[in-house]
N, C-alpha and C. Protein backbone atom coordinates (compact mmCIF):
# COMPACT_ATOMS: atom_id res chain seq x y z
N UNK A 1 -43.23 15.49 -3.86
CA UNK A 1 -41.97 16.16 -3.81
C UNK A 1 -40.80 15.17 -4.43
N UNK A 2 -40.12 15.76 -5.41
CA UNK A 2 -39.11 14.93 -6.10
C UNK A 2 -37.83 14.78 -5.25
N UNK A 3 -37.06 13.85 -5.63
CA UNK A 3 -35.84 13.58 -4.90
C UNK A 3 -34.93 14.81 -4.96
N UNK A 4 -34.87 15.51 -6.13
CA UNK A 4 -33.98 16.66 -6.27
C UNK A 4 -34.53 17.71 -5.29
N UNK A 5 -35.72 17.93 -5.09
CA UNK A 5 -36.26 18.95 -4.17
C UNK A 5 -35.88 18.59 -2.64
N UNK A 6 -35.96 17.26 -2.40
CA UNK A 6 -35.61 16.83 -1.07
C UNK A 6 -34.18 16.93 -0.72
N UNK A 7 -33.35 16.66 -1.69
CA UNK A 7 -31.97 16.91 -1.58
C UNK A 7 -31.67 18.33 -1.42
N UNK A 8 -32.35 19.23 -2.16
CA UNK A 8 -32.16 20.71 -2.07
C UNK A 8 -32.51 21.06 -0.66
N UNK A 9 -33.61 20.62 -0.08
CA UNK A 9 -33.98 20.94 1.31
C UNK A 9 -32.88 20.59 2.30
N UNK A 10 -32.25 19.38 2.13
CA UNK A 10 -31.20 19.01 2.99
C UNK A 10 -30.01 20.00 2.82
N UNK A 11 -29.64 20.36 1.66
CA UNK A 11 -28.61 21.26 1.44
C UNK A 11 -28.92 22.67 1.99
N UNK A 12 -30.10 23.04 1.88
CA UNK A 12 -30.42 24.41 2.49
C UNK A 12 -30.41 24.30 3.98
N UNK A 13 -30.95 23.29 4.59
CA UNK A 13 -30.97 23.11 6.13
C UNK A 13 -29.57 22.95 6.61
N UNK A 14 -28.69 22.24 5.91
CA UNK A 14 -27.32 22.04 6.38
C UNK A 14 -26.53 23.25 6.25
N UNK A 15 -26.69 24.07 5.16
CA UNK A 15 -25.92 25.28 4.98
C UNK A 15 -26.39 26.25 6.06
N UNK A 16 -27.62 26.23 6.50
CA UNK A 16 -28.06 27.24 7.52
C UNK A 16 -27.43 26.90 8.85
N UNK A 17 -27.38 25.53 9.23
CA UNK A 17 -26.77 25.12 10.37
C UNK A 17 -25.37 25.47 10.36
N UNK A 18 -24.67 25.21 9.22
CA UNK A 18 -23.24 25.57 9.02
C UNK A 18 -22.92 27.01 9.25
N UNK A 19 -23.79 27.83 8.67
CA UNK A 19 -23.61 29.27 8.66
C UNK A 19 -23.92 29.90 10.09
N UNK A 20 -24.82 29.33 10.85
CA UNK A 20 -25.26 29.83 12.06
C UNK A 20 -24.55 29.31 13.25
N UNK A 21 -24.16 28.07 13.21
CA UNK A 21 -23.45 27.40 14.34
C UNK A 21 -21.95 27.19 14.11
N UNK A 22 -21.56 26.58 12.95
CA UNK A 22 -20.22 26.18 12.85
C UNK A 22 -19.24 27.35 12.45
N UNK A 23 -19.62 28.18 11.54
CA UNK A 23 -18.84 29.28 11.13
C UNK A 23 -18.53 30.36 12.22
N UNK A 24 -19.49 30.74 13.00
CA UNK A 24 -19.22 31.68 14.16
C UNK A 24 -18.20 31.01 15.16
N UNK A 25 -18.24 29.67 15.29
CA UNK A 25 -17.38 28.98 16.21
C UNK A 25 -15.89 29.19 15.77
N UNK A 26 -15.58 29.37 14.43
CA UNK A 26 -14.28 29.58 13.95
C UNK A 26 -13.72 30.84 14.48
N UNK A 27 -14.51 31.86 14.49
CA UNK A 27 -13.94 33.21 15.02
C UNK A 27 -13.89 33.10 16.47
N UNK A 28 -14.73 32.39 17.25
CA UNK A 28 -14.60 32.33 18.66
C UNK A 28 -13.29 31.51 19.02
N UNK A 29 -13.07 30.46 18.25
CA UNK A 29 -11.94 29.60 18.47
C UNK A 29 -10.59 30.45 18.16
N UNK A 30 -10.54 31.19 17.08
CA UNK A 30 -9.50 32.06 16.82
C UNK A 30 -9.26 33.11 17.81
N UNK A 31 -10.23 33.68 18.35
CA UNK A 31 -10.09 34.70 19.41
C UNK A 31 -9.50 34.11 20.73
N UNK A 32 -9.96 32.88 21.02
CA UNK A 32 -9.58 32.20 22.25
C UNK A 32 -8.09 31.78 22.11
N UNK A 33 -7.64 31.46 20.89
CA UNK A 33 -6.28 30.97 20.68
C UNK A 33 -5.28 32.21 20.52
N UNK A 34 -5.72 33.36 20.42
CA UNK A 34 -4.87 34.51 20.48
C UNK A 34 -4.31 34.99 19.16
N UNK A 35 -5.13 35.17 18.20
CA UNK A 35 -4.67 35.75 16.88
C UNK A 35 -4.20 34.78 15.87
N UNK A 36 -3.54 35.32 14.97
CA UNK A 36 -2.97 34.52 13.73
C UNK A 36 -3.02 35.34 12.54
N UNK A 37 -2.61 34.80 11.46
CA UNK A 37 -2.58 35.56 10.21
C UNK A 37 -3.76 35.27 9.33
N UNK A 38 -4.74 36.21 9.40
CA UNK A 38 -5.81 36.18 8.52
C UNK A 38 -6.17 37.61 8.19
N UNK A 39 -6.14 37.88 6.85
CA UNK A 39 -6.47 39.27 6.58
C UNK A 39 -7.88 39.58 6.50
N UNK A 40 -8.76 38.55 6.43
CA UNK A 40 -10.22 38.86 6.39
C UNK A 40 -10.93 37.99 7.49
N UNK A 41 -10.18 37.34 8.36
CA UNK A 41 -10.82 36.49 9.35
C UNK A 41 -10.84 35.00 8.94
N UNK A 42 -10.74 34.12 9.88
CA UNK A 42 -10.82 32.70 9.54
C UNK A 42 -12.11 32.16 8.98
N UNK A 43 -13.13 32.97 9.10
CA UNK A 43 -14.48 32.53 8.71
C UNK A 43 -14.83 33.00 7.35
N UNK A 44 -13.97 33.84 6.58
CA UNK A 44 -14.39 34.36 5.32
C UNK A 44 -14.65 33.26 4.28
N UNK A 45 -13.74 32.33 4.11
CA UNK A 45 -13.94 31.37 3.09
C UNK A 45 -15.07 30.34 3.52
N UNK A 46 -15.07 29.80 4.68
CA UNK A 46 -16.31 29.05 5.05
C UNK A 46 -17.62 29.76 4.95
N UNK A 47 -17.75 31.06 5.22
CA UNK A 47 -18.90 31.83 5.02
C UNK A 47 -19.31 31.92 3.62
N UNK A 48 -18.34 32.04 2.72
CA UNK A 48 -18.54 32.13 1.27
C UNK A 48 -19.10 30.81 0.73
N UNK A 49 -18.42 29.72 1.27
CA UNK A 49 -18.89 28.36 0.73
C UNK A 49 -20.22 28.09 1.24
N UNK A 50 -20.63 28.37 2.46
CA UNK A 50 -21.91 28.19 3.09
C UNK A 50 -23.02 29.00 2.36
N UNK A 51 -22.67 30.18 1.96
CA UNK A 51 -23.60 31.03 1.25
C UNK A 51 -23.83 30.44 -0.13
N UNK A 52 -22.79 30.00 -0.72
CA UNK A 52 -23.03 29.41 -2.13
C UNK A 52 -23.78 28.10 -2.14
N UNK A 53 -23.51 27.28 -1.12
CA UNK A 53 -24.38 26.02 -0.93
C UNK A 53 -25.79 26.42 -0.76
N UNK A 54 -26.04 27.46 0.10
CA UNK A 54 -27.41 27.89 0.34
C UNK A 54 -28.08 28.42 -0.88
N UNK A 55 -27.38 29.24 -1.68
CA UNK A 55 -27.93 29.77 -2.92
C UNK A 55 -28.27 28.64 -3.94
N UNK A 56 -27.31 27.73 -4.10
CA UNK A 56 -27.52 26.61 -5.09
C UNK A 56 -28.64 25.67 -4.59
N UNK A 57 -28.76 25.42 -3.29
CA UNK A 57 -29.71 24.66 -2.79
C UNK A 57 -31.11 25.24 -3.01
N UNK A 58 -31.19 26.60 -2.80
CA UNK A 58 -32.42 27.32 -3.09
C UNK A 58 -32.86 27.42 -4.56
N UNK A 59 -31.85 27.42 -5.36
CA UNK A 59 -32.07 27.41 -6.86
C UNK A 59 -32.54 25.95 -7.26
N UNK A 60 -31.92 24.97 -6.58
CA UNK A 60 -32.41 23.62 -6.94
C UNK A 60 -33.84 23.38 -6.41
N UNK A 61 -34.17 23.98 -5.30
CA UNK A 61 -35.49 23.82 -4.70
C UNK A 61 -36.53 24.39 -5.60
N UNK A 62 -36.27 25.56 -6.26
CA UNK A 62 -37.33 26.24 -7.05
C UNK A 62 -37.24 26.05 -8.48
N UNK A 63 -36.06 25.44 -9.01
CA UNK A 63 -36.08 25.20 -10.53
C UNK A 63 -35.90 23.69 -10.73
N UNK A 64 -36.55 22.84 -10.03
CA UNK A 64 -36.42 21.40 -10.28
C UNK A 64 -36.90 21.02 -11.68
N UNK A 65 -36.08 20.35 -12.40
CA UNK A 65 -36.40 19.90 -13.79
C UNK A 65 -36.12 18.41 -13.80
N UNK A 66 -37.09 17.63 -14.33
CA UNK A 66 -36.78 16.17 -14.46
C UNK A 66 -35.74 15.91 -15.54
N UNK A 67 -35.07 14.79 -15.44
CA UNK A 67 -34.02 14.44 -16.40
C UNK A 67 -34.75 13.99 -17.70
N UNK A 68 -34.23 14.28 -18.81
CA UNK A 68 -34.82 13.82 -20.06
C UNK A 68 -34.81 12.24 -20.14
N UNK A 69 -35.80 11.70 -20.90
CA UNK A 69 -35.79 10.26 -20.90
C UNK A 69 -34.59 9.62 -21.64
N UNK A 70 -33.97 10.28 -22.53
CA UNK A 70 -32.98 9.71 -23.36
C UNK A 70 -31.56 9.71 -22.63
N UNK A 71 -31.52 10.15 -21.39
CA UNK A 71 -30.24 10.09 -20.63
C UNK A 71 -30.09 8.63 -20.17
N UNK A 72 -28.90 8.20 -20.56
CA UNK A 72 -28.61 6.78 -20.21
C UNK A 72 -28.28 6.46 -18.75
N UNK A 73 -28.18 5.21 -18.40
CA UNK A 73 -27.91 4.83 -16.97
C UNK A 73 -26.68 5.41 -16.48
N UNK A 74 -25.57 5.42 -17.27
CA UNK A 74 -24.27 5.94 -16.75
C UNK A 74 -24.32 7.37 -16.58
N UNK A 75 -25.03 8.17 -17.40
CA UNK A 75 -25.11 9.62 -17.25
C UNK A 75 -25.88 10.07 -16.02
N UNK A 76 -26.97 9.32 -15.74
CA UNK A 76 -27.76 9.69 -14.60
C UNK A 76 -27.70 8.86 -13.41
N UNK A 77 -26.80 7.84 -13.52
CA UNK A 77 -26.70 6.90 -12.34
C UNK A 77 -25.49 7.00 -11.48
N UNK A 78 -25.24 5.91 -10.85
CA UNK A 78 -24.12 5.92 -9.83
C UNK A 78 -22.69 5.99 -10.51
N UNK A 79 -22.60 5.50 -11.71
CA UNK A 79 -21.34 5.47 -12.43
C UNK A 79 -20.83 6.87 -12.60
N UNK A 80 -21.59 7.87 -12.96
CA UNK A 80 -21.10 9.20 -13.09
C UNK A 80 -20.73 9.86 -11.79
N UNK A 81 -21.51 9.39 -10.70
CA UNK A 81 -21.25 9.99 -9.38
C UNK A 81 -19.91 9.36 -8.86
N UNK A 82 -19.59 8.11 -9.09
CA UNK A 82 -18.35 7.54 -8.70
C UNK A 82 -17.21 8.12 -9.48
N UNK A 83 -17.43 8.38 -10.73
CA UNK A 83 -16.38 9.03 -11.50
C UNK A 83 -16.04 10.42 -11.04
N UNK A 84 -17.12 11.08 -10.67
CA UNK A 84 -16.92 12.48 -10.10
C UNK A 84 -16.13 12.41 -8.74
N UNK A 85 -16.44 11.43 -7.93
CA UNK A 85 -15.73 11.25 -6.62
C UNK A 85 -14.29 10.93 -6.93
N UNK A 86 -14.01 10.12 -7.89
CA UNK A 86 -12.63 9.76 -8.26
C UNK A 86 -11.87 11.02 -8.82
N UNK A 87 -12.64 11.86 -9.55
CA UNK A 87 -12.08 13.13 -10.11
C UNK A 87 -11.73 14.04 -8.98
N UNK A 88 -12.59 14.26 -7.99
CA UNK A 88 -12.28 15.11 -6.86
C UNK A 88 -11.06 14.54 -6.06
N UNK A 89 -10.99 13.17 -5.88
CA UNK A 89 -9.76 12.65 -5.22
C UNK A 89 -8.49 12.88 -6.04
N UNK A 90 -8.59 12.80 -7.30
CA UNK A 90 -7.38 13.09 -8.20
C UNK A 90 -6.97 14.55 -8.04
N UNK A 91 -8.05 15.45 -7.97
CA UNK A 91 -7.72 16.79 -7.91
C UNK A 91 -7.10 17.17 -6.58
N UNK A 92 -7.63 16.58 -5.41
CA UNK A 92 -7.00 16.73 -4.14
C UNK A 92 -5.62 16.17 -4.08
N UNK A 93 -5.38 15.10 -4.74
CA UNK A 93 -4.07 14.48 -4.73
C UNK A 93 -3.03 15.34 -5.62
N UNK A 94 -3.64 15.91 -6.68
CA UNK A 94 -2.76 16.65 -7.60
C UNK A 94 -2.41 18.02 -7.19
N UNK A 95 -3.20 18.59 -6.33
CA UNK A 95 -3.00 20.07 -5.86
C UNK A 95 -1.57 20.23 -5.24
N UNK A 96 -1.16 19.42 -4.32
CA UNK A 96 0.23 19.62 -3.75
C UNK A 96 1.31 19.24 -4.70
N UNK A 97 0.98 18.38 -5.68
CA UNK A 97 2.00 17.80 -6.54
C UNK A 97 2.32 18.81 -7.75
N UNK A 98 1.24 19.27 -8.36
CA UNK A 98 1.51 20.10 -9.55
C UNK A 98 1.08 21.57 -9.32
N UNK A 99 0.45 21.91 -8.20
CA UNK A 99 0.04 23.23 -7.96
C UNK A 99 -1.41 23.53 -8.27
N UNK A 100 -1.89 24.60 -7.80
CA UNK A 100 -3.28 25.04 -7.93
C UNK A 100 -3.70 25.26 -9.41
N UNK A 101 -2.96 26.01 -10.19
CA UNK A 101 -3.39 26.38 -11.46
C UNK A 101 -3.39 25.11 -12.45
N UNK A 102 -2.36 24.31 -12.67
CA UNK A 102 -2.55 23.12 -13.48
C UNK A 102 -3.54 22.14 -13.07
N UNK A 103 -3.61 21.90 -11.71
CA UNK A 103 -4.56 21.00 -11.24
C UNK A 103 -6.00 21.46 -11.53
N UNK A 104 -6.25 22.72 -11.28
CA UNK A 104 -7.60 23.27 -11.47
C UNK A 104 -8.00 23.21 -13.04
N UNK A 105 -7.02 23.54 -13.88
CA UNK A 105 -7.29 23.49 -15.30
C UNK A 105 -7.56 22.13 -15.72
N UNK A 106 -6.78 21.09 -15.22
CA UNK A 106 -7.02 19.80 -15.68
C UNK A 106 -8.44 19.23 -15.04
N UNK A 107 -8.75 19.68 -13.84
CA UNK A 107 -9.90 19.31 -13.25
C UNK A 107 -11.13 19.81 -14.06
N UNK A 108 -11.08 21.07 -14.41
CA UNK A 108 -12.21 21.68 -15.13
C UNK A 108 -12.29 21.08 -16.54
N UNK A 109 -11.22 20.80 -17.18
CA UNK A 109 -11.22 20.20 -18.58
C UNK A 109 -11.86 18.78 -18.37
N UNK A 110 -11.52 18.05 -17.34
CA UNK A 110 -12.05 16.68 -17.17
C UNK A 110 -13.53 16.76 -16.90
N UNK A 111 -13.95 17.81 -16.09
CA UNK A 111 -15.38 17.88 -15.87
C UNK A 111 -16.25 18.20 -17.16
N UNK A 112 -15.67 19.16 -17.96
CA UNK A 112 -16.36 19.51 -19.15
C UNK A 112 -16.34 18.34 -20.13
N UNK A 113 -15.28 17.53 -20.16
CA UNK A 113 -15.33 16.30 -21.04
C UNK A 113 -16.28 15.24 -20.55
N UNK A 114 -16.41 15.12 -19.20
CA UNK A 114 -17.25 14.02 -18.60
C UNK A 114 -18.67 14.45 -18.82
N UNK A 115 -19.03 15.71 -18.66
CA UNK A 115 -20.38 16.09 -18.92
C UNK A 115 -20.75 16.57 -20.32
N UNK A 116 -19.82 16.30 -21.18
CA UNK A 116 -19.96 16.73 -22.66
C UNK A 116 -20.55 18.04 -22.78
N UNK A 117 -19.68 19.08 -22.69
CA UNK A 117 -20.05 20.49 -22.75
C UNK A 117 -20.81 20.75 -24.06
N UNK A 118 -21.77 21.56 -24.16
CA UNK A 118 -22.54 21.93 -25.34
C UNK A 118 -21.66 22.87 -26.27
N UNK A 119 -20.99 23.77 -25.60
CA UNK A 119 -20.15 24.80 -26.32
C UNK A 119 -18.69 24.73 -25.83
N UNK A 120 -17.84 24.25 -26.70
CA UNK A 120 -16.45 24.00 -26.31
C UNK A 120 -15.72 25.30 -26.24
N UNK A 121 -16.19 26.34 -26.94
CA UNK A 121 -15.45 27.60 -26.77
C UNK A 121 -15.66 28.12 -25.33
N UNK A 122 -16.91 28.16 -24.89
CA UNK A 122 -17.18 28.67 -23.62
C UNK A 122 -16.49 27.76 -22.50
N UNK A 123 -16.46 26.39 -22.84
CA UNK A 123 -15.86 25.52 -21.86
C UNK A 123 -14.38 25.79 -21.80
N UNK A 124 -13.73 26.05 -22.89
CA UNK A 124 -12.30 26.45 -22.86
C UNK A 124 -12.00 27.67 -22.11
N UNK A 125 -12.89 28.70 -22.36
CA UNK A 125 -12.64 30.01 -21.73
C UNK A 125 -12.90 29.83 -20.15
N UNK A 126 -13.83 29.04 -19.80
CA UNK A 126 -14.03 28.84 -18.33
C UNK A 126 -12.91 27.99 -17.73
N UNK A 127 -12.45 26.99 -18.52
CA UNK A 127 -11.37 26.17 -17.98
C UNK A 127 -10.20 26.88 -17.79
N UNK A 128 -9.85 27.89 -18.59
CA UNK A 128 -8.65 28.68 -18.33
C UNK A 128 -8.89 29.91 -17.50
N UNK A 129 -10.01 30.48 -17.60
CA UNK A 129 -10.29 31.72 -16.88
C UNK A 129 -10.63 31.61 -15.42
N UNK A 130 -11.38 30.52 -15.09
CA UNK A 130 -11.81 30.45 -13.67
C UNK A 130 -10.68 30.20 -12.73
N UNK A 131 -9.68 29.30 -13.08
CA UNK A 131 -8.54 29.17 -12.24
C UNK A 131 -7.75 30.42 -12.06
N UNK A 132 -7.56 31.20 -13.10
CA UNK A 132 -6.79 32.34 -13.07
C UNK A 132 -7.58 33.43 -12.12
N UNK A 133 -8.92 33.51 -12.31
CA UNK A 133 -9.67 34.41 -11.52
C UNK A 133 -9.63 34.09 -10.10
N UNK A 134 -9.86 32.80 -9.71
CA UNK A 134 -9.76 32.30 -8.38
C UNK A 134 -8.37 32.63 -7.76
N UNK A 135 -7.36 32.26 -8.55
CA UNK A 135 -6.02 32.48 -8.08
C UNK A 135 -5.72 33.86 -7.75
N UNK A 136 -6.17 34.85 -8.64
CA UNK A 136 -5.94 36.21 -8.40
C UNK A 136 -6.73 36.79 -7.18
N UNK A 137 -7.97 36.35 -7.08
CA UNK A 137 -8.91 36.82 -6.06
C UNK A 137 -8.30 36.22 -4.69
N UNK A 138 -8.04 35.00 -4.59
CA UNK A 138 -7.62 34.46 -3.30
C UNK A 138 -6.23 34.85 -2.95
N UNK A 139 -5.28 34.87 -3.93
CA UNK A 139 -3.88 35.06 -3.57
C UNK A 139 -3.63 36.55 -3.41
N UNK A 140 -4.17 37.40 -4.28
CA UNK A 140 -3.94 38.86 -4.18
C UNK A 140 -4.84 39.74 -3.30
N UNK A 141 -6.18 39.32 -3.34
CA UNK A 141 -7.18 40.13 -2.60
C UNK A 141 -7.28 39.60 -1.13
N UNK A 142 -7.41 38.28 -0.96
CA UNK A 142 -7.67 37.79 0.41
C UNK A 142 -6.32 37.29 1.02
N UNK A 143 -5.22 37.29 0.29
CA UNK A 143 -3.95 36.81 0.77
C UNK A 143 -3.98 35.39 1.28
N UNK A 144 -4.66 34.55 0.61
CA UNK A 144 -4.73 33.08 0.90
C UNK A 144 -3.71 32.37 0.12
N UNK A 145 -2.74 31.68 0.79
CA UNK A 145 -1.73 30.96 -0.04
C UNK A 145 -2.27 29.69 -0.57
N UNK A 146 -2.15 29.60 -1.94
CA UNK A 146 -2.60 28.40 -2.57
C UNK A 146 -1.48 27.46 -2.80
N UNK A 147 -1.79 26.18 -2.99
CA UNK A 147 -0.74 25.07 -3.13
C UNK A 147 0.07 25.39 -4.32
N UNK A 148 1.45 25.38 -4.11
CA UNK A 148 2.40 25.46 -5.26
C UNK A 148 2.77 24.04 -5.66
N UNK A 149 3.54 24.06 -6.70
CA UNK A 149 3.99 22.75 -7.30
C UNK A 149 5.24 22.30 -6.59
N UNK A 150 5.16 21.03 -5.95
CA UNK A 150 6.32 20.47 -5.43
C UNK A 150 7.21 19.78 -6.30
N UNK A 151 6.68 19.43 -7.60
CA UNK A 151 7.49 18.67 -8.49
C UNK A 151 8.23 19.56 -9.49
N UNK A 152 7.91 20.84 -9.45
CA UNK A 152 8.57 21.78 -10.37
C UNK A 152 9.28 22.81 -9.67
């Protein structure tokens, strides 16, 4: 069994525990506290996140591909992982400062640059389109308030 498949098994198991134990506890906690403002319930977004991790873990489990030999140490090693962690930190720090849309667009642009996207047209469409889609879906459909810009 490869390391990718072992990691996928951990993700699948963790998401199953998350979905069966931790997410139902959110609804119980909300009920015991006596309500609140949630249009779809407090467990809607955690359930969505848990299902996505479960699906991606299952995909990793069944579609394991080895890395090509020509991939350098930085691309497949700890350097890229640390850079990704720094990028997540910058995104989390930037959300309350510049707002959801600009922070998300900058984050996706940095990810596509970091991983050297094959098709820059598709990368550009995703960089601009995904934050708009997520913003409309969360803000308009689920009524989830997203961070606004405090500097502007």
